[in-house]
C-alpha atoms as a PDB file:
ATOM      1  CA  MET A   1      96.397  98.259  84.256  1.00  0.00           C
ATOM      2  CA  GLY A   2      98.064  94.409  83.016  1.00  0.00           C
ATOM      3  CA  ALA A   3      98.031  91.709  84.516  1.00  0.00           C
ATOM      4  CA  PRO A   4      99.219  90.729  87.636  1.00  0.00           C
ATOM      5  CA  VAL A   5     102.911  89.241  87.357  1.00  0.00           C
ATOM      6  CA  LEU A   6     103.812  85.816  88.797  1.00  0.00           C
ATOM      7  CA  HIS A   7     107.554  85.675  89.661  1.00  0.00           C
ATOM      8  CA  LYS A   8     109.613  83.470  88.836  1.00  0.00           C
ATOM      9  CA  ARG A   9     110.461  82.480  92.141  1.00  0.00           C
ATOM     10  CA  MET A  10     106.853  82.020  92.809  1.00  0.00           C
ATOM     11  CA  HIS A  11     105.371  78.992  94.137  1.00  0.00           C
ATOM     12  CA  PRO A  12     101.800  80.005  94.991  1.00  0.00           C
ATOM     13  CA  LYS A  13     100.491  76.887  97.889  1.00  0.00           C
ATOM     14  CA  VAL A  14      97.392  74.899  96.543  1.00  0.00           C
ATOM     15  CA  GLY A  15      94.653  77.134  97.777  1.00  0.00           C
ATOM     16  CA  ALA A  16      96.837  80.102  98.057  1.00  0.00           C
ATOM     17  CA  GLU A  17      95.168  82.076  95.088  1.00  0.00           C
ATOM     18  CA  PRO A  18      93.632  85.738  96.448  1.00  0.00           C
ATOM     19  CA  THR A  19      89.864  85.912  96.500  1.00  0.00           C
ATOM     20  CA  ALA A  20      87.949  87.880  94.308  1.00  0.00           C
ATOM     21  CA  ALA A  21      87.802  90.679  97.436  1.00  0.00           C
ATOM     22  CA  GLU A  22      91.272  90.773  97.349  1.00  0.00           C
ATOM     23  CA  ARG A  23      92.072  90.429  93.661  1.00  0.00           C
ATOM     24  CA  ARG A  24      89.467  94.369  93.559  1.00  0.00           C
ATOM     25  CA  HIS A  25      91.846  95.173  96.742  1.00  0.00           C
ATOM     26  CA  HIS A  26      95.112  94.253  94.413  1.00  0.00           C
ATOM     27  CA  ASP A  27      93.800  96.118  91.568  1.00  0.00           C
ATOM     28  CA  ARG A  28      93.175  99.464  93.257  1.00  0.00           C
ATOM     29  CA  VAL A  29      96.104  99.034  94.816  1.00  0.00           C
ATOM     30  CA  ARG A  30      97.542  98.889  91.324  1.00  0.00           C
ATOM     31  CA  ALA A  31      96.457 101.830  90.034  1.00  0.00           C
ATOM     32  CA  PHE A  32      97.741 104.354  92.217  1.00  0.00           C
ATOM     33  CA  GLY A  33     101.791 103.858  90.610  1.00  0.00           C
ATOM     34  CA  CYS A  34     104.571 102.788  91.963  1.00  0.00           C
ATOM     35  CA  LEU A  35     105.502 104.415  95.972  1.00  0.00           C
ATOM     36  CA  VAL A  36     109.033 105.511  94.470  1.00  0.00           C
ATOM     37  CA  SER A  37     108.219 106.049  91.049  1.00  0.00           C
ATOM     38  CA  GLY A  38     105.090 106.959  90.490  1.00  0.00           C
ATOM     39  CA  ARG A  39     105.263 104.799  87.422  1.00  0.00           C
ATOM     40  CA  PRO A  40     102.996 101.384  86.219  1.00  0.00           C
ATOM     41  CA  ALA A  41     103.286  99.416  89.631  1.00  0.00           C
ATOM     42  CA  THR A  42     103.350  95.911  90.639  1.00  0.00           C
ATOM     43  CA  ILE A  43     101.729  94.346  93.023  1.00  0.00           C
ATOM     44  CA  HIS A  44     104.368  93.070  96.183  1.00  0.00           C
ATOM     45  CA  HIS A  45     103.477  91.384  98.623  1.00  0.00           C
ATOM     46  CA  VAL A  46     104.870  92.568 102.276  1.00  0.00           C
ATOM     47  CA  THR A  47     106.402  90.595 103.931  1.00  0.00           C
ATOM     48  CA  GLY A  48     108.414  92.162 107.032  1.00  0.00           C
ATOM     49  CA  TYR A  49     109.553  94.821 109.025  1.00  0.00           C
ATOM     50  CA  ALA A  50     110.729  98.641 108.534  1.00  0.00           C
ATOM     51  CA  ASP A  51     111.993  98.785 111.664  1.00  0.00           C
ATOM     52  CA  LYS A  52     112.925  95.628 113.340  1.00  0.00           C
ATOM     53  CA  ILE A  53     114.183  91.989 112.510  1.00  0.00           C
ATOM     54  CA  GLY A  54     112.272  89.218 111.487  1.00  0.00           C
ATOM     55  CA  ARG A  55     108.787  88.396 108.480  1.00  0.00           C
ATOM     56  CA  PHE A  56     105.469  87.041 108.672  1.00  0.00           C
ATOM     57  CA  SER A  57     103.263  84.963 106.009  1.00  0.00           C
ATOM     58  CA  ARG A  58     102.338  86.398 103.448  1.00  0.00           C
ATOM     59  CA  SER A  59      98.996  87.807 102.722  1.00  0.00           C
ATOM     60  CA  HIS A  60      97.074  88.794 100.171  1.00  0.00           C
ATOM     61  CA  ARG A  61      95.690  91.917 102.283  1.00  0.00           C
ATOM     62  CA  LEU A  62      99.161  93.787 102.991  1.00  0.00           C
ATOM     63  CA  VAL A  63     100.537  94.965  99.319  1.00  0.00           C
ATOM     64  CA  VAL A  64     102.153  97.960  97.942  1.00  0.00           C
ATOM     65  CA  PRO A  65     102.672  98.935  94.665  1.00  0.00           C
ATOM     66  CA  LEU A  66     106.209  98.936  92.721  1.00  0.00           C
ATOM     67  CA  ALA A  67     107.870  99.312  89.399  1.00  0.00           C
ATOM     68  CA  PRO A  68     109.705  96.449  88.816  1.00  0.00           C
ATOM     69  CA  GLU A  69     113.008  98.002  89.247  1.00  0.00           C
ATOM     70  CA  TYR A  70     111.892  98.866  92.836  1.00  0.00           C
ATOM     71  CA  HIS A  71     110.536  95.208  93.667  1.00  0.00           C
ATOM     72  CA  GLN A  72     112.277  92.308  91.422  1.00  0.00           C
ATOM     73  CA  HIS A  73     115.648  91.290  92.316  1.00  0.00           C
ATOM     74  CA  ASP A  74     116.353  90.909  88.775  1.00  0.00           C
ATOM     75  CA  HIS A  75     115.553  94.897  87.220  1.00  0.00           C
ATOM     76  CA  GLY A  76     116.810  96.714  90.326  1.00  0.00           C
ATOM     77  CA  ARG A  77     119.955  96.462  92.623  1.00  0.00           C
ATOM     78  CA  LEU A  78     117.778  98.598  94.702  1.00  0.00           C
ATOM     79  CA  SER A  79     115.100  96.708  94.889  1.00  0.00           C
ATOM     80  CA  VAL A  80     113.102  95.557  97.959  1.00  0.00           C
ATOM     81  CA  GLU A  81     114.057  92.144  96.717  1.00  0.00           C
ATOM     82  CA  LYS A  82     117.202  92.649  97.433  1.00  0.00           C
ATOM     83  CA  LEU A  83     117.883  95.207  99.806  1.00  0.00           C
ATOM     84  CA  SER A  84     115.132  93.766 102.332  1.00  0.00           C
ATOM     85  CA  HIS A  85     112.041  95.318 104.068  1.00  0.00           C
ATOM     86  CA  ARG A  86     114.824  97.035 106.639  1.00  0.00           C
ATOM     87  CA  GLY A  87     117.083  98.232 103.782  1.00  0.00           C
ATOM     88  CA  PHE A  88     114.401  99.443 101.691  1.00  0.00           C
ATOM     89  CA  PHE A  89     113.154 101.822 104.085  1.00  0.00           C
ATOM     90  CA  GLN A  90     116.268 102.621 104.552  1.00  0.00           C
ATOM     91  CA  GLU A  91     117.243 103.641 100.912  1.00  0.00           C
ATOM     92  CA  TRP A  92     113.559 105.272  99.936  1.00  0.00           C
ATOM     93  CA  GLY A  93     112.777 106.120 103.666  1.00  0.00           C
ATOM     94  CA  ILE A  94     109.098 104.139 102.669  1.00  0.00           C
ATOM     95  CA  ASP A  95     107.642 101.848 105.497  1.00  0.00           C
ATOM     96  CA  LEU A  96     106.535  98.971 102.921  1.00  0.00           C
ATOM     97  CA  TYR A  97     104.248  97.349 106.323  1.00  0.00           C
ATOM     98  CA  ALA A  98     102.844 100.779 107.188  1.00  0.00           C
ATOM     99  CA  GLU A  99     102.210 101.894 103.395  1.00  0.00           C
ATOM    100  CA  ALA A 100     100.317  98.158 102.678  1.00  0.00           C
ATOM    101  CA  ARG A 101      98.223  98.207 106.235  1.00  0.00           C
ATOM    102  CA  ARG A 102      97.056 101.855 105.077  1.00  0.00           C
ATOM    103  CA  LEU A 103      95.881  99.815 102.084  1.00  0.00           C
ATOM    104  CA  GLU A 104      93.644  97.777 103.825  1.00  0.00           C
ATOM    105  CA  ALA A 105      92.725  99.855 105.504  1.00  0.00           C
ATOM    106  CA  GLU A 106      90.842 101.758 102.703  1.00  0.00           C
ATOM    107  CA  SER A 107      89.993  98.650 100.940  1.00  0.00           C
ATOM    108  CA  VAL A 108      87.847  97.861 103.902  1.00  0.00           C
ATOM    109  CA  ALA A 109      85.822 101.288 104.427  1.00  0.00           C
ATOM    110  CA  MET A 110      85.668 101.459 101.250  1.00  0.00           C
ATOM    111  CA  GLY A 111      83.982  98.156 101.140  1.00  0.00           C
ATOM    112  CA  VAL A 112      86.238  95.729  98.721  1.00  0.00           C
ATOM    113  CA  LEU A 113      87.760  94.297 101.204  1.00  0.00           C
ATOM    114  CA  PRO A 114      86.067  92.543 104.086  1.00  0.00           C
ATOM    115  CA  HIS A 115      86.760  93.591 107.800  1.00  0.00           C
ATOM    116  CA  VAL A 116      88.904  90.690 109.066  1.00  0.00           C
END
């Protein structure tokens, strides 16, 4: 699995560290492998929609597994960081927000994450 990746551009806010339950959720999600390629993945925090313009606040609950080339700006021209969430959906046909909500719901049902 490996350690979580902290991007060079990420500057976590004070108190923004994931809880123990959120870290278990991240480990569970990462273990699935990349949504595009199935390769080993890092955690991508979903902050945008596939079907409309707009962004929302980052949450440690809304995450998906993506290999670096589909995740990070520095690794791939077809990454979510280069394309945006809408562009990623247009290129790969994967609604990252819907996937993150599905994975979150599974973790809640399994008792990995608490109900909110």
